[in-house]
Amino acid sequence: MFDNDEFFSPKDPGLPPLDCVGCGWCCLDNPCEVSHAVYGYTPRCPALEWTGARYVCALVVRPQAGVDLAPLFVGQGCCARHNAWRGDVKKRG
């Protein structure tokens, strides 16, 4: 299959970066370090919100003073280009 560098790379060699489609996979699969710092270790990130069309991060759309968003790599594209959820964006549990 893919090693971690191939699966989790927004900039695969020779391929254009992919925009985030808001599928929610990243936050549902493994909440980020920013989520852990703000909310503690939870199985599902409390900042993940469904808009009716896509998932968004509440920490990004409504930033909180003192919360460093740099580790989220906002605007740098999808880090899971081979993820099947990209083609099936829907509200998930």
N, C-alpha and C. Protein backbone atom coordinates (compact mmCIF):
# COMPACT_ATOMS: atom_id res chain seq x y z
N MET A 1 0.85 -1.19 0.00
CA MET A 1 0.00 0.00 0.00
C MET A 1 0.89 1.23 0.00
N PHE A 2 0.70 2.16 0.93
CA PHE A 2 1.47 3.39 1.00
C PHE A 2 2.21 3.45 2.31
N ASP A 3 3.45 3.97 2.28
CA ASP A 3 4.08 4.23 3.56
C ASP A 3 3.58 5.59 4.03
N ASN A 4 3.85 5.94 5.27
CA ASN A 4 3.31 7.18 5.84
C ASN A 4 3.67 8.41 5.04
N ASP A 5 4.88 8.48 4.49
CA ASP A 5 5.28 9.65 3.73
C ASP A 5 4.46 9.80 2.45
N GLU A 6 4.05 8.71 1.83
CA GLU A 6 3.25 8.80 0.61
C GLU A 6 1.80 9.12 0.94
N PHE A 7 1.25 8.53 1.99
CA PHE A 7 -0.17 8.73 2.31
C PHE A 7 -0.42 10.10 2.92
N PHE A 8 0.45 10.55 3.81
CA PHE A 8 0.23 11.78 4.56
C PHE A 8 1.08 12.94 4.05
N SER A 9 1.12 13.14 2.77
CA SER A 9 1.91 14.25 2.23
C SER A 9 1.06 15.15 1.35
N PRO A 10 0.91 16.44 1.73
CA PRO A 10 0.14 17.33 0.88
C PRO A 10 0.85 17.64 -0.43
N LYS A 11 2.14 17.40 -0.47
CA LYS A 11 2.90 17.73 -1.67
C LYS A 11 3.65 16.51 -2.18
N ASP A 12 2.90 15.52 -2.65
CA ASP A 12 3.53 14.34 -3.24
C ASP A 12 4.38 14.78 -4.42
N PRO A 13 5.58 14.23 -4.55
CA PRO A 13 6.45 14.61 -5.67
C PRO A 13 5.75 14.44 -7.01
N GLY A 14 5.78 15.48 -7.80
CA GLY A 14 5.23 15.42 -9.15
C GLY A 14 3.73 15.59 -9.23
N LEU A 15 3.05 15.71 -8.11
CA LEU A 15 1.61 15.87 -8.10
C LEU A 15 1.24 17.23 -7.52
N PRO A 16 0.21 17.87 -8.06
CA PRO A 16 -0.19 19.17 -7.51
C PRO A 16 -0.81 18.99 -6.13
N PRO A 17 -0.66 19.98 -5.25
CA PRO A 17 -1.31 19.86 -3.94
C PRO A 17 -2.82 19.85 -4.10
N LEU A 18 -3.50 19.16 -3.21
CA LEU A 18 -4.96 19.09 -3.23
C LEU A 18 -5.54 20.00 -2.16
N ASP A 19 -6.61 20.72 -2.49
CA ASP A 19 -7.30 21.54 -1.51
C ASP A 19 -8.02 20.64 -0.51
N CYS A 20 -8.20 21.15 0.69
CA CYS A 20 -9.02 20.47 1.68
C CYS A 20 -10.47 20.52 1.20
N VAL A 21 -11.16 19.38 1.24
CA VAL A 21 -12.57 19.34 0.83
C VAL A 21 -13.50 19.30 2.03
N GLY A 22 -12.94 19.27 3.24
CA GLY A 22 -13.76 19.26 4.44
C GLY A 22 -14.42 17.93 4.72
N CYS A 23 -13.73 16.83 4.39
CA CYS A 23 -14.32 15.50 4.59
C CYS A 23 -14.33 15.08 6.07
N GLY A 24 -13.50 15.70 6.89
CA GLY A 24 -13.47 15.41 8.32
C GLY A 24 -12.57 14.27 8.74
N TRP A 25 -11.97 13.59 7.79
CA TRP A 25 -11.18 12.40 8.11
C TRP A 25 -10.08 12.68 9.13
N CYS A 26 -9.34 13.73 8.94
CA CYS A 26 -8.22 14.03 9.83
C CYS A 26 -8.68 14.16 11.28
N CYS A 27 -9.71 14.95 11.50
CA CYS A 27 -10.17 15.23 12.86
C CYS A 27 -10.94 14.07 13.48
N LEU A 28 -11.63 13.31 12.67
CA LEU A 28 -12.37 12.16 13.19
C LEU A 28 -11.43 10.99 13.45
N ASP A 29 -10.40 10.84 12.62
CA ASP A 29 -9.47 9.73 12.77
C ASP A 29 -8.51 9.95 13.93
N ASN A 30 -7.99 11.17 14.05
CA ASN A 30 -6.95 11.43 15.03
C ASN A 30 -6.88 12.93 15.32
N PRO A 31 -7.55 13.40 16.37
CA PRO A 31 -7.51 14.84 16.67
C PRO A 31 -6.07 15.35 16.76
N CYS A 32 -5.87 16.57 16.31
CA CYS A 32 -4.54 17.16 16.22
C CYS A 32 -4.01 17.62 17.57
N GLU A 33 -2.74 18.01 17.58
CA GLU A 33 -2.12 18.46 18.82
C GLU A 33 -2.74 19.76 19.34
N VAL A 34 -3.28 20.59 18.44
CA VAL A 34 -3.94 21.81 18.88
C VAL A 34 -5.22 21.44 19.65
N SER A 35 -5.98 20.50 19.12
CA SER A 35 -7.18 20.01 19.80
C SER A 35 -6.82 19.46 21.18
N HIS A 36 -5.76 18.67 21.25
CA HIS A 36 -5.33 18.09 22.53
C HIS A 36 -4.97 19.18 23.53
N ALA A 37 -4.30 20.23 23.06
CA ALA A 37 -3.91 21.32 23.95
C ALA A 37 -5.12 22.08 24.48
N VAL A 38 -6.12 22.29 23.63
CA VAL A 38 -7.30 23.07 24.01
C VAL A 38 -8.32 22.23 24.79
N TYR A 39 -8.61 21.01 24.31
CA TYR A 39 -9.70 20.20 24.87
C TYR A 39 -9.25 18.98 25.65
N GLY A 40 -7.96 18.65 25.62
CA GLY A 40 -7.50 17.41 26.21
C GLY A 40 -7.65 16.28 25.20
N TYR A 41 -7.34 15.08 25.60
CA TYR A 41 -7.40 13.94 24.69
C TYR A 41 -8.83 13.42 24.59
N THR A 42 -9.43 13.62 23.43
CA THR A 42 -10.80 13.18 23.19
C THR A 42 -10.81 12.31 21.93
N PRO A 43 -11.72 11.35 21.84
CA PRO A 43 -11.75 10.49 20.64
C PRO A 43 -12.20 11.25 19.39
N ARG A 44 -12.97 12.32 19.57
CA ARG A 44 -13.44 13.13 18.44
C ARG A 44 -13.22 14.58 18.82
N CYS A 45 -12.63 15.35 17.94
CA CYS A 45 -12.32 16.74 18.24
C CYS A 45 -13.61 17.55 18.45
N PRO A 46 -13.76 18.22 19.59
CA PRO A 46 -14.93 19.05 19.84
C PRO A 46 -15.02 20.26 18.90
N ALA A 47 -13.93 20.64 18.27
CA ALA A 47 -13.94 21.81 17.37
C ALA A 47 -14.44 21.45 15.96
N LEU A 48 -14.61 20.17 15.68
CA LEU A 48 -15.06 19.76 14.36
C LEU A 48 -16.55 20.03 14.21
N GLU A 49 -16.91 20.82 13.20
CA GLU A 49 -18.30 21.20 12.98
C GLU A 49 -18.73 20.87 11.56
N TRP A 50 -19.94 20.34 11.43
CA TRP A 50 -20.54 20.05 10.12
C TRP A 50 -21.35 21.27 9.71
N THR A 51 -21.12 21.79 8.51
CA THR A 51 -21.82 22.99 8.04
C THR A 51 -23.07 22.66 7.24
N GLY A 52 -23.28 21.39 6.95
CA GLY A 52 -24.36 20.98 6.05
C GLY A 52 -23.81 20.59 4.70
N ALA A 53 -22.56 20.98 4.44
CA ALA A 53 -21.90 20.65 3.18
C ALA A 53 -20.48 20.12 3.38
N ARG A 54 -19.85 20.47 4.50
CA ARG A 54 -18.48 20.06 4.78
C ARG A 54 -18.17 20.25 6.24
N TYR A 55 -17.06 19.68 6.68
CA TYR A 55 -16.58 19.90 8.04
C TYR A 55 -15.65 21.11 8.05
N VAL A 56 -15.70 21.86 9.14
CA VAL A 56 -14.77 22.96 9.37
C VAL A 56 -14.24 22.85 10.79
N CYS A 57 -13.13 23.50 11.04
CA CYS A 57 -12.53 23.53 12.36
C CYS A 57 -12.93 24.84 13.04
N ALA A 58 -13.64 24.75 14.16
CA ALA A 58 -14.06 25.94 14.89
C ALA A 58 -12.88 26.75 15.39
N LEU A 59 -11.75 26.09 15.65
CA LEU A 59 -10.57 26.81 16.10
C LEU A 59 -10.02 27.70 14.99
N VAL A 60 -10.26 27.32 13.75
CA VAL A 60 -9.80 28.12 12.61
C VAL A 60 -10.81 29.21 12.26
N VAL A 61 -12.10 28.87 12.22
CA VAL A 61 -13.11 29.86 11.81
C VAL A 61 -13.41 30.86 12.93
N ARG A 62 -13.18 30.47 14.19
CA ARG A 62 -13.35 31.37 15.32
C ARG A 62 -12.13 31.24 16.23
N PRO A 63 -11.00 31.82 15.81
CA PRO A 63 -9.75 31.67 16.59
C PRO A 63 -9.90 32.15 18.03
N GLN A 64 -9.20 31.46 18.90
CA GLN A 64 -9.18 31.82 20.32
C GLN A 64 -7.84 32.45 20.65
N ALA A 65 -7.86 33.50 21.44
CA ALA A 65 -6.63 34.17 21.85
C ALA A 65 -5.70 33.16 22.52
N GLY A 66 -4.45 33.20 22.15
CA GLY A 66 -3.44 32.34 22.76
C GLY A 66 -3.34 30.94 22.19
N VAL A 67 -4.18 30.58 21.22
CA VAL A 67 -4.12 29.25 20.62
C VAL A 67 -3.32 29.33 19.33
N ASP A 68 -2.19 28.62 19.29
CA ASP A 68 -1.31 28.61 18.12
C ASP A 68 -1.86 27.64 17.08
N LEU A 69 -2.28 28.18 15.94
CA LEU A 69 -2.84 27.36 14.87
C LEU A 69 -1.80 26.89 13.86
N ALA A 70 -0.56 27.29 14.02
CA ALA A 70 0.49 26.93 13.06
C ALA A 70 0.59 25.41 12.82
N PRO A 71 0.46 24.56 13.85
CA PRO A 71 0.56 23.12 13.60
C PRO A 71 -0.54 22.55 12.72
N LEU A 72 -1.59 23.32 12.43
CA LEU A 72 -2.68 22.83 11.59
C LEU A 72 -2.37 22.96 10.10
N PHE A 73 -1.36 23.73 9.75
CA PHE A 73 -0.98 23.92 8.35
C PHE A 73 -2.15 24.39 7.49
N VAL A 74 -2.94 25.30 8.04
CA VAL A 74 -4.12 25.83 7.35
C VAL A 74 -3.72 26.42 6.00
N GLY A 75 -4.46 26.03 4.97
CA GLY A 75 -4.22 26.54 3.63
C GLY A 75 -3.15 25.82 2.84
N GLN A 76 -2.54 24.78 3.41
CA GLN A 76 -1.47 24.07 2.71
C GLN A 76 -1.96 22.82 2.00
N GLY A 77 -3.23 22.55 2.04
CA GLY A 77 -3.77 21.42 1.29
C GLY A 77 -3.99 20.18 2.11
N CYS A 78 -4.56 19.19 1.45
CA CYS A 78 -4.90 17.92 2.08
C CYS A 78 -3.65 17.09 2.30
N CYS A 79 -3.57 16.48 3.48
CA CYS A 79 -2.41 15.64 3.79
C CYS A 79 -2.73 14.15 3.63
N ALA A 80 -3.89 13.84 3.06
CA ALA A 80 -4.26 12.43 2.86
C ALA A 80 -4.88 12.26 1.48
N ARG A 81 -4.09 12.50 0.47
CA ARG A 81 -4.59 12.52 -0.91
C ARG A 81 -5.22 11.20 -1.34
N HIS A 82 -4.86 10.09 -0.73
CA HIS A 82 -5.39 8.79 -1.13
C HIS A 82 -6.58 8.36 -0.27
N ASN A 83 -7.08 9.25 0.55
CA ASN A 83 -8.19 8.97 1.45
C ASN A 83 -9.51 8.94 0.66
N ALA A 84 -10.26 7.86 0.77
CA ALA A 84 -11.52 7.70 0.02
C ALA A 84 -12.60 8.68 0.46
N TRP A 85 -12.52 9.21 1.68
CA TRP A 85 -13.52 10.17 2.14
C TRP A 85 -13.52 11.45 1.31
N ARG A 86 -12.40 11.76 0.67
CA ARG A 86 -12.32 12.99 -0.15
C ARG A 86 -13.42 13.01 -1.21
N GLY A 87 -13.78 11.87 -1.74
CA GLY A 87 -14.80 11.79 -2.78
C GLY A 87 -16.20 11.52 -2.24
N ASP A 88 -16.33 11.48 -0.91
CA ASP A 88 -17.62 11.17 -0.29
C ASP A 88 -17.79 12.02 0.97
N VAL A 89 -17.86 13.33 0.78
CA VAL A 89 -17.98 14.25 1.90
C VAL A 89 -19.41 14.21 2.43
N LYS A 90 -19.55 13.80 3.68
CA LYS A 90 -20.87 13.72 4.31
C LYS A 90 -20.68 13.75 5.82
N LYS A 91 -21.77 14.01 6.53
CA LYS A 91 -21.72 14.00 7.99
C LYS A 91 -21.53 12.57 8.45
N ARG A 92 -20.57 12.39 9.32
CA ARG A 92 -20.25 11.07 9.84
C ARG A 92 -20.35 11.08 11.36
N GLY A 93 -21.06 10.12 11.89
CA GLY A 93 -21.23 9.92 13.33
C GLY A 93 -20.68 10.92 14.18
